[in-house]
Protein backbone atom coordinates (compact mmCIF):
# COMPACT_ATOMS: atom_id res chain seq x y z
CA UNK A 1 -190.40 227.94 -62.40
CA UNK A 2 -191.66 230.53 -60.03
CA UNK A 3 -193.32 230.67 -56.51
CA UNK A 4 -196.46 232.83 -57.08
CA UNK A 5 -198.30 230.18 -59.52
CA UNK A 6 -201.74 229.87 -60.67
CA UNK A 7 -203.71 226.78 -59.86
CA UNK A 8 -205.33 226.44 -63.22
CA UNK A 9 -206.28 222.90 -64.66
CA UNK A 10 -206.73 222.49 -68.60
CA UNK A 11 -207.90 218.77 -68.52
CA UNK A 12 -209.17 217.33 -72.00
CA UNK A 13 -211.46 214.31 -71.19
CA UNK A 14 -208.80 212.35 -69.48
CA UNK A 15 -209.56 209.97 -66.74
CA UNK A 16 -209.10 212.01 -63.55
CA UNK A 17 -206.25 213.35 -61.34
CA UNK A 18 -204.80 215.88 -63.48
CA UNK A 19 -202.35 218.25 -62.19
CA UNK A 20 -202.81 221.50 -61.92
CA UNK A 21 -200.36 224.57 -63.09
CA UNK A 22 -199.02 224.81 -59.90
CA UNK A 23 -197.99 221.49 -59.14
CA UNK A 24 -196.11 221.90 -62.88
CA UNK A 25 -194.29 225.08 -62.16
CA UNK A 26 -195.97 227.06 -64.52
CA UNK A 27 -197.71 230.44 -64.06
CA UNK A 28 -200.09 230.87 -67.45
CA UNK A 29 -201.14 234.82 -66.98
CA UNK A 30 -204.31 236.09 -68.82
CA UNK A 31 -201.95 237.13 -72.02
CA UNK A 32 -201.33 233.62 -72.81
CA UNK A 33 -202.02 232.58 -76.43
CA UNK A 34 -201.23 229.06 -78.15
CA UNK A 35 -198.47 229.33 -80.45
CA UNK A 36 -198.23 228.70 -83.88
CA UNK A 37 -195.96 226.96 -85.70
CA UNK A 38 -195.14 229.34 -88.33
CA UNK A 39 -193.60 231.44 -85.57
CA UNK A 40 -190.99 228.47 -84.75
CA UNK A 41 -187.57 229.94 -85.64
CA UNK A 42 -186.71 226.77 -87.97
CA UNK A 43 -190.04 227.39 -89.72
CA UNK A 44 -189.08 231.36 -90.00
CA UNK A 45 -185.81 230.68 -91.64
CA UNK A 46 -188.02 229.47 -94.71
CA UNK A 47 -190.43 232.33 -94.88
CA UNK A 48 -189.01 235.61 -92.70
CA UNK A 49 -186.73 237.12 -94.83
CA UNK A 50 -184.67 238.31 -91.34
CA UNK A 51 -183.83 234.74 -90.97
CA UNK A 52 -183.64 232.89 -94.15
CA UNK A 53 -180.35 234.01 -96.07
CA UNK A 54 -177.54 232.15 -98.20
CA UNK A 55 -175.90 230.68 -94.89
CA UNK A 56 -179.18 229.33 -93.46
CA UNK A 57 -179.21 227.22 -96.97
CA UNK A 58 -175.81 225.91 -96.63
CA UNK A 59 -176.92 224.97 -92.67
CA UNK A 60 -179.98 223.06 -93.94
CA UNK A 61 -177.84 221.62 -97.17
CA UNK A 62 -174.83 220.37 -94.69
CA UNK A 63 -177.10 218.04 -93.69
CA UNK A 64 -177.94 216.32 -97.12
CA UNK A 65 -174.20 216.77 -98.56
CA UNK A 66 -171.43 216.65 -95.81
CA UNK A 67 -169.06 219.53 -96.14
CA UNK A 68 -165.98 217.71 -96.94
CA UNK A 69 -163.58 220.50 -95.14
CA UNK A 70 -165.61 224.03 -93.73
CA UNK A 71 -163.15 225.08 -91.16
CA UNK A 72 -159.56 223.86 -90.65
CA UNK A 73 -160.09 223.10 -87.44
CA UNK A 74 -160.70 219.68 -85.49
CA UNK A 75 -164.23 219.15 -85.15
CA UNK A 76 -165.28 219.97 -88.77
CA UNK A 77 -163.82 217.39 -91.18
CA UNK A 78 -165.36 215.29 -93.32
CA UNK A 79 -165.44 212.56 -91.23
CA UNK A 80 -167.31 214.75 -88.54
CA UNK A 81 -170.00 216.06 -91.03
CA UNK A 82 -170.27 212.26 -92.40
CA UNK A 83 -171.06 210.85 -88.93
CA UNK A 84 -173.55 213.61 -88.01
CA UNK A 85 -175.09 213.27 -90.81
CA UNK A 86 -175.58 209.37 -90.46
CA UNK A 87 -176.71 209.75 -87.13
CA UNK A 88 -179.56 212.12 -88.72
CA UNK A 89 -180.25 209.58 -91.44
CA UNK A 90 -183.45 207.39 -90.00
CA UNK A 91 -184.79 210.75 -88.72
CA UNK A 92 -184.30 212.18 -91.96
CA UNK A 93 -185.86 209.51 -94.07
CA UNK A 94 -189.37 209.76 -92.23
CA UNK A 95 -189.01 213.12 -92.61
CA UNK A 96 -188.53 213.34 -96.36
CA UNK A 97 -190.73 210.13 -97.15
CA UNK A 98 -193.72 211.81 -97.77
CA UNK A 99 -192.81 215.60 -98.14
CA UNK A 100 -192.88 215.79 -102.20
CA UNK A 101 -195.70 213.43 -102.30
CA UNK A 102 -198.09 215.33 -99.99
CA UNK A 103 -195.87 218.09 -98.36
CA UNK A 104 -196.08 216.17 -94.86
CA UNK A 105 -192.59 216.56 -93.15
CA UNK A 106 -193.12 213.92 -90.61
CA UNK A 107 -191.68 214.14 -87.23
CA UNK A 108 -190.37 217.78 -87.48
CA UNK A 109 -194.11 219.28 -88.86
CA UNK A 110 -196.33 216.87 -88.61
CA UNK A 111 -196.91 213.69 -86.54
CA UNK A 112 -195.49 210.20 -88.01
CA UNK A 113 -197.79 208.00 -90.25
CA UNK A 114 -195.88 205.11 -91.08
CA UNK A 115 -198.62 202.99 -88.89
CA UNK A 116 -199.97 199.85 -90.20
CA UNK A 117 -204.11 199.88 -89.71
CA UNK A 118 -205.43 198.27 -86.69
CA UNK A 119 -209.16 196.71 -87.15
CA UNK A 120 -208.92 195.71 -83.73
CA UNK A 121 -211.79 196.19 -81.08
CA UNK A 122 -210.69 198.43 -77.85
CA UNK A 123 -209.09 196.15 -75.53
CA UNK A 124 -210.53 195.63 -72.42
CA UNK A 125 -208.63 197.89 -69.69
CA UNK A 126 -208.26 195.97 -66.48
CA UNK A 127 -207.30 199.75 -64.89
CA UNK A 128 -205.71 202.97 -66.60
CA UNK A 129 -203.32 202.15 -63.65
CA UNK A 130 -202.19 198.67 -64.66
CA UNK A 131 -202.34 199.88 -68.55
CA UNK A 132 -200.01 202.92 -67.86
CA UNK A 133 -197.85 200.13 -66.07
CA UNK A 134 -197.56 198.15 -68.77
CA UNK A 135 -197.15 201.00 -71.50
CA UNK A 136 -194.06 202.17 -69.51
CA UNK A 137 -192.70 198.30 -69.81
CA UNK A 138 -193.43 198.18 -73.24
CA UNK A 139 -191.67 201.84 -73.92
CA UNK A 140 -188.23 200.73 -72.41
CA UNK A 141 -188.48 197.67 -74.40
CA UNK A 142 -188.76 199.69 -77.82
CA UNK A 143 -186.00 202.04 -76.43
CA UNK A 144 -187.11 204.47 -74.21
CA UNK A 145 -184.86 205.59 -71.63
CA UNK A 146 -187.85 207.59 -69.70
CA UNK A 147 -191.47 207.16 -70.20
CA UNK A 148 -194.00 209.53 -68.49
CA UNK A 149 -197.97 209.78 -68.88
CA UNK A 150 -200.00 213.23 -68.75
CA UNK A 151 -203.39 214.47 -69.65
CA UNK A 152 -203.98 215.95 -73.05
CA UNK A 153 -203.28 219.80 -72.32
CA UNK A 154 -204.33 221.43 -75.55
CA UNK A 155 -202.68 224.54 -75.16
CA UNK A 156 -199.52 223.05 -75.73
CA UNK A 157 -200.61 221.97 -79.42
CA UNK A 158 -199.60 224.36 -82.25
CA UNK A 159 -202.61 226.21 -83.27
CA UNK A 160 -201.84 225.85 -87.04
CA UNK A 161 -198.97 223.37 -88.69
CA UNK A 162 -196.45 224.91 -91.06
CA UNK A 163 -196.19 224.11 -94.48
CA UNK A 164 -192.55 224.40 -96.03
CA UNK A 165 -194.07 223.92 -99.67
CA UNK A 166 -196.46 226.86 -99.39
CA UNK A 167 -194.54 228.43 -96.81
CA UNK A 168 -197.68 228.99 -95.16
CA UNK A 169 -199.67 227.90 -91.82
CA UNK A 170 -202.37 225.07 -92.23
CA UNK A 171 -204.52 223.51 -90.32
CA UNK A 172 -203.76 221.16 -87.43
CA UNK A 173 -204.85 217.28 -87.97
CA UNK A 174 -204.55 216.15 -84.55
CA UNK A 175 -208.33 214.70 -83.85
CA UNK A 176 -210.52 215.97 -81.17
CA UNK A 177 -210.40 212.78 -79.28
CA UNK A 178 -207.31 212.65 -78.02
CA UNK A 179 -207.29 212.40 -73.61
CA UNK A 180 -203.64 211.43 -72.76
CA UNK A 181 -200.24 212.22 -73.79
CA UNK A 182 -197.43 209.85 -73.13
CA UNK A 183 -193.71 211.23 -73.16
CA UNK A 184 -190.71 209.48 -73.92
CA UNK A 185 -186.59 210.60 -73.72
CA UNK A 186 -183.76 209.33 -75.10
CA UNK A 187 -180.59 210.08 -73.45
CA UNK A 188 -178.02 211.67 -75.63
CA UNK A 189 -174.60 210.52 -75.66
CA UNK A 190 -172.46 212.41 -73.09
CA UNK A 191 -168.95 211.85 -74.82
CA UNK A 192 -170.39 213.55 -78.04
CA UNK A 193 -171.79 216.38 -76.25
CA UNK A 194 -168.36 216.79 -74.43
CA UNK A 195 -166.83 217.73 -78.05
CA UNK A 196 -169.40 221.03 -78.76
CA UNK A 197 -169.18 223.11 -80.58
CA UNK A 198 -168.34 220.54 -83.27
CA UNK A 199 -170.04 219.02 -86.16
CA UNK A 200 -169.05 215.70 -84.62
CA UNK A 201 -171.46 216.78 -81.17
CA UNK A 202 -174.07 217.35 -83.66
CA UNK A 203 -174.13 213.50 -84.10
CA UNK A 204 -175.74 212.80 -80.77
CA UNK A 205 -178.72 215.15 -81.77
CA UNK A 206 -179.39 213.31 -84.82
CA UNK A 207 -178.83 210.02 -82.95
CA UNK A 208 -181.65 211.13 -80.46
CA UNK A 209 -184.03 211.65 -83.17
CA UNK A 210 -183.65 208.47 -85.05
CA UNK A 211 -184.19 206.44 -81.82
CA UNK A 212 -187.15 208.63 -80.99
CA UNK A 213 -188.85 207.64 -84.13
CA UNK A 214 -188.18 203.88 -84.02
CA UNK A 215 -189.80 203.79 -80.42
CA UNK A 216 -192.38 206.01 -81.01
CA UNK A 217 -193.80 204.76 -84.35
CA UNK A 218 -193.34 201.08 -82.54
CA UNK A 219 -195.17 201.99 -79.07
CA UNK A 220 -198.18 203.86 -81.12
CA UNK A 221 -198.51 200.79 -83.48
CA UNK A 222 -198.74 198.56 -80.24
CA UNK A 223 -201.76 201.08 -78.64
CA UNK A 224 -203.15 201.03 -82.43
CA UNK A 225 -202.95 197.28 -82.26
CA UNK A 226 -205.31 197.13 -78.65
CA UNK A 227 -207.72 199.11 -80.89
CA UNK A 228 -206.94 202.66 -79.53
CA UNK A 229 -205.98 205.56 -81.21
CA UNK A 230 -202.26 206.58 -81.35
CA UNK A 231 -200.13 209.44 -82.88
CA UNK A 232 -195.99 209.66 -82.80
CA UNK A 233 -194.94 213.05 -82.67
CA UNK A 234 -191.15 214.47 -82.32
CA UNK A 235 -190.47 218.02 -82.83
CA UNK A 236 -194.20 218.59 -84.18
CA UNK A 237 -197.27 219.35 -83.41
CA UNK A 238 -197.28 220.15 -80.00
CA UNK A 239 -194.27 221.60 -77.65
CA UNK A 240 -192.39 218.97 -76.08
CA UNK A 241 -190.78 220.75 -72.69
CA UNK A 242 -194.11 221.50 -71.02
CA UNK A 243 -195.94 218.06 -71.66
CA UNK A 244 -192.57 216.46 -70.17
CA UNK A 245 -192.83 218.52 -67.31
CA UNK A 246 -196.53 217.52 -66.51
CA UNK A 247 -195.40 213.72 -67.12
CA UNK A 248 -193.26 214.13 -64.07
CA UNK A 249 -189.67 213.64 -66.13
CA UNK A 250 -187.95 216.89 -65.09
CA UNK A 251 -187.97 220.41 -64.26
CA UNK A 252 -187.45 223.24 -66.51
CA UNK A 253 -184.18 225.02 -66.36
CA UNK A 254 -182.38 228.50 -67.43
CA UNK A 255 -181.13 227.40 -70.94
CA UNK A 256 -184.90 226.55 -71.69
CA UNK A 257 -184.47 222.65 -72.01
CA UNK A 258 -185.71 220.04 -69.59
CA UNK A 259 -183.89 218.65 -66.68
CA UNK A 260 -184.12 215.17 -65.60
CA UNK A 261 -182.51 213.51 -62.32
CA UNK A 262 -181.39 210.65 -64.54
CA UNK A 263 -179.63 212.57 -67.67
CA UNK A 264 -180.00 216.42 -67.08
CA UNK A 265 -181.11 218.20 -70.05
CA UNK A 266 -178.98 215.53 -72.04
CA UNK A 267 -182.34 214.06 -73.36
CA UNK A 268 -184.44 214.04 -76.63
CA UNK A 269 -188.21 214.32 -76.57
CA UNK A 270 -190.92 212.64 -77.93
CA UNK A 271 -195.01 212.05 -77.40
CA UNK A 272 -197.51 209.94 -78.78
CA UNK A 273 -201.18 211.35 -78.03
CA UNK A 274 -204.21 208.84 -77.88
CA UNK A 275 -207.08 208.12 -76.07
CA UNK A 276 -205.91 204.93 -74.30
CA UNK A 277 -207.03 205.01 -70.45
CA UNK A 278 -204.27 205.91 -68.79
CA UNK A 279 -203.69 207.07 -64.93
CA UNK A 280 -201.20 210.05 -65.16
CA UNK A 281 -197.94 210.70 -63.47
CA UNK A 282 -197.30 213.68 -61.36
CA UNK A 283 -194.51 216.48 -61.83
CA UNK A 284 -191.34 215.98 -59.70
CA UNK A 285 -189.32 218.82 -58.20
CA UNK A 286 -186.00 218.11 -57.03
CA UNK A 287 -184.51 221.74 -56.91
CA UNK A 288 -183.57 222.93 -60.25
CA UNK A 289 -185.06 226.10 -60.22
CA UNK A 290 -183.69 227.15 -56.66
CA UNK A 291 -180.38 225.64 -58.62
CA UNK A 292 -180.29 227.81 -61.53
CA UNK A 293 -181.11 231.13 -59.95
CA UNK A 294 -177.46 230.48 -58.63
CA UNK A 295 -176.06 228.64 -61.70
CA UNK A 296 -175.28 231.06 -64.53
CA UNK A 297 -173.18 228.34 -66.69
CA UNK A 298 -175.28 228.13 -69.17
CA UNK A 299 -175.65 231.99 -69.67
CA UNK A 300 -171.56 232.86 -69.55
CA UNK A 301 -171.45 230.25 -71.54
CA UNK A 302 -173.47 231.00 -74.63
CA UNK A 303 -171.37 232.66 -77.35
CA UNK A 304 -174.35 234.72 -79.11
CA UNK A 305 -175.81 235.71 -75.10
CA UNK A 306 -179.07 234.15 -76.02
CA UNK A 307 -179.77 232.59 -72.51
CA UNK A 308 -182.04 234.69 -69.91
CA UNK A 309 -179.37 236.18 -66.68
CA UNK A 310 -182.34 237.29 -64.35
CA UNK A 311 -185.37 235.67 -62.85
CA UNK A 312 -188.05 233.58 -64.59
CA UNK A 313 -190.52 236.07 -66.06
CA UNK A 314 -193.14 236.94 -69.24
CA UNK A 315 -190.20 237.60 -71.91
CA UNK A 316 -190.65 238.06 -75.52
CA UNK A 317 -187.31 238.59 -77.13
CA UNK A 318 -189.60 237.72 -80.61
CA UNK A 319 -192.09 236.04 -82.33
CA UNK A 320 -190.55 233.10 -81.85
CA UNK A 321 -191.64 233.13 -78.10
CA UNK A 322 -194.77 232.57 -76.18
CA UNK A 323 -196.39 234.77 -74.84
CA UNK A 324 -197.96 234.71 -71.34
CA UNK A 325 -195.64 231.78 -69.69
CA UNK A 326 -193.83 232.62 -66.83
CA UNK A 327 -189.91 230.83 -67.48
CA UNK A 328 -186.78 231.34 -68.47
CA UNK A 329 -186.88 232.30 -72.22
CA UNK A 330 -183.89 232.09 -74.93
CA UNK A 331 -183.62 234.50 -77.63
CA UNK A 332 -184.42 232.04 -80.50
CA UNK A 333 -182.87 234.17 -83.23
CA UNK A 334 -179.47 234.71 -81.57
CA UNK A 335 -179.39 230.76 -80.29
CA UNK A 336 -180.17 229.90 -84.03
CA UNK A 337 -177.77 232.34 -85.59
CA UNK A 338 -175.14 230.83 -83.96
CA UNK A 339 -175.98 227.51 -85.05
CA UNK A 340 -175.82 228.98 -88.86
CA UNK A 341 -172.91 230.41 -88.67
CA UNK A 342 -171.28 227.12 -86.96
CA UNK A 343 -173.19 225.22 -89.58
CA UNK A 344 -174.09 222.56 -87.01
CA UNK A 345 -176.61 222.54 -83.94
CA UNK A 346 -175.16 224.02 -81.03
CA UNK A 347 -175.66 222.60 -77.37
CA UNK A 348 -172.95 224.33 -75.55
CA UNK A 349 -175.31 225.34 -72.63
CA UNK A 350 -176.09 221.26 -72.15
CA UNK A 351 -172.12 220.93 -71.90
CA UNK A 352 -171.82 223.07 -69.49
CA UNK A 353 -174.75 222.33 -67.13
CA UNK A 354 -173.66 221.01 -63.61
CA UNK A 355 -176.82 218.56 -64.14
CA UNK A 356 -174.71 217.01 -67.22
CA UNK A 357 -172.36 215.10 -65.59
CA UNK A 358 -171.28 211.27 -65.93
CA UNK A 359 -170.83 209.63 -62.94
CA UNK A 360 -171.26 206.19 -61.06
CA UNK A 361 -175.38 206.15 -60.81
CA UNK A 362 -175.22 206.63 -56.84
CA UNK A 363 -172.70 209.18 -57.06
CA UNK A 364 -174.45 211.58 -59.52
CA UNK A 365 -178.32 210.88 -57.56
CA UNK A 366 -176.14 211.98 -54.81
CA UNK A 367 -175.05 215.43 -56.52
CA UNK A 368 -178.58 215.93 -57.27
CA UNK A 369 -179.64 215.44 -54.13
CA UNK A 370 -177.20 217.94 -52.69
CA UNK A 371 -177.74 220.19 -55.59
CA UNK A 372 -181.37 220.58 -54.52
CA UNK A 373 -180.76 221.43 -51.02
CA UNK A 374 -179.04 224.21 -49.14
CA UNK A 375 -175.64 222.74 -50.29
CA UNK A 376 -176.23 224.06 -53.66
CA UNK A 377 -173.75 226.94 -53.54
CA UNK A 378 -170.84 224.32 -52.36
CA UNK A 379 -171.92 222.19 -55.00
CA UNK A 380 -171.82 224.48 -57.82
CA UNK A 381 -168.25 225.36 -56.29
CA UNK A 382 -167.32 221.91 -56.45
CA UNK A 383 -168.53 221.78 -60.25
CA UNK A 384 -166.48 224.87 -61.09
CA UNK A 385 -163.15 223.15 -59.43
CA UNK A 386 -163.93 219.99 -61.45
CA UNK A 387 -163.93 221.05 -64.52
CA UNK A 388 -166.61 218.79 -65.74
CA UNK A 389 -167.91 221.17 -68.27
CA UNK A 390 -164.93 221.71 -70.04
CA UNK A 391 -164.82 221.06 -74.22
CA UNK A 392 -163.06 217.68 -75.07
CA UNK A 393 -161.15 217.85 -78.39
CA UNK A 394 -163.33 215.93 -80.86
CA UNK A 395 -160.27 214.30 -82.25
CA UNK A 396 -160.10 212.83 -78.90
CA UNK A 397 -163.60 211.06 -79.41
CA UNK A 398 -162.30 209.33 -82.43
CA UNK A 399 -160.04 206.23 -81.92
CA UNK A 400 -156.02 206.40 -82.65
């Protein structure tokens, strides 16, 4: 992210081999402050009068009651909203499961708790290295496309959780015994994302989160069955992207998203906090920062102009930004306002990103290698010439 990096470890009782900020590509200054979930743009849309409106109510309601017809345009028909909401169904089911009874919105404000208790004595772990290999093997079985492991860095955990019923912050309930973080990624559907912006394209987001639920719950239950603690987390509890970078899944992109070598930014992230002894992956660098410094595809194509056009820096657009970290920063207020006006989430920045391309594996990996080399400007020219990032009409996705 920035070549002038601090070399600081923030390890919390891990098994050793932690990575530094410099290795992860972070620059964390003395002005850094951990983030309060109440200041997240989605939380603010419930309590902050500058964000909340009748339009935000319509936006959220549309995920429960599909709009039969909102726009007389392709991609916003009854079937498009219906499919989007079906894609979200599993994630929403678990989010709403305990919301009325005990005020837990799991997966988005609170970690998932649909786990069986385990009375087992902790398994005798042969070695953290072997255990990490085993966990990744099991994660793939349960549906993860990528899996990385890092130490538990408390800086990225929210200082407080947000409670939608009270419209206020509440205490963080993650225990202090956590030592490691397992991060998993699920690929989002490429063809659906080609139809962005549309209600139809929102299906890719929902399916990604729904896959997250089943993978995380199963993997966490396996760890619990071994006699160790495991807390399955989606968008709740902590910031996923810095943890994913520390776990070696990818680099940070100009659009504020994780860019992986395998799928570009076309992923959804989940994580498991555990005290299971594990070895850690190392952060990877394959030229994303240098390429993003040349490329402005996400910035140019963002309708609300929410994506940073300059170099990585400590940018604070509003209270929904975390202070003290040098990075590319997105204006969450502008971004969310566009979502609300479209009555669906937006992934235009993913669609146009040159790292988001569906090609034969050998060709895709060759592109990634060249994009990270001195040929990056040439590869950017080739990508623009190819027209890969252009929108596909949503009606083309549906069968004839």
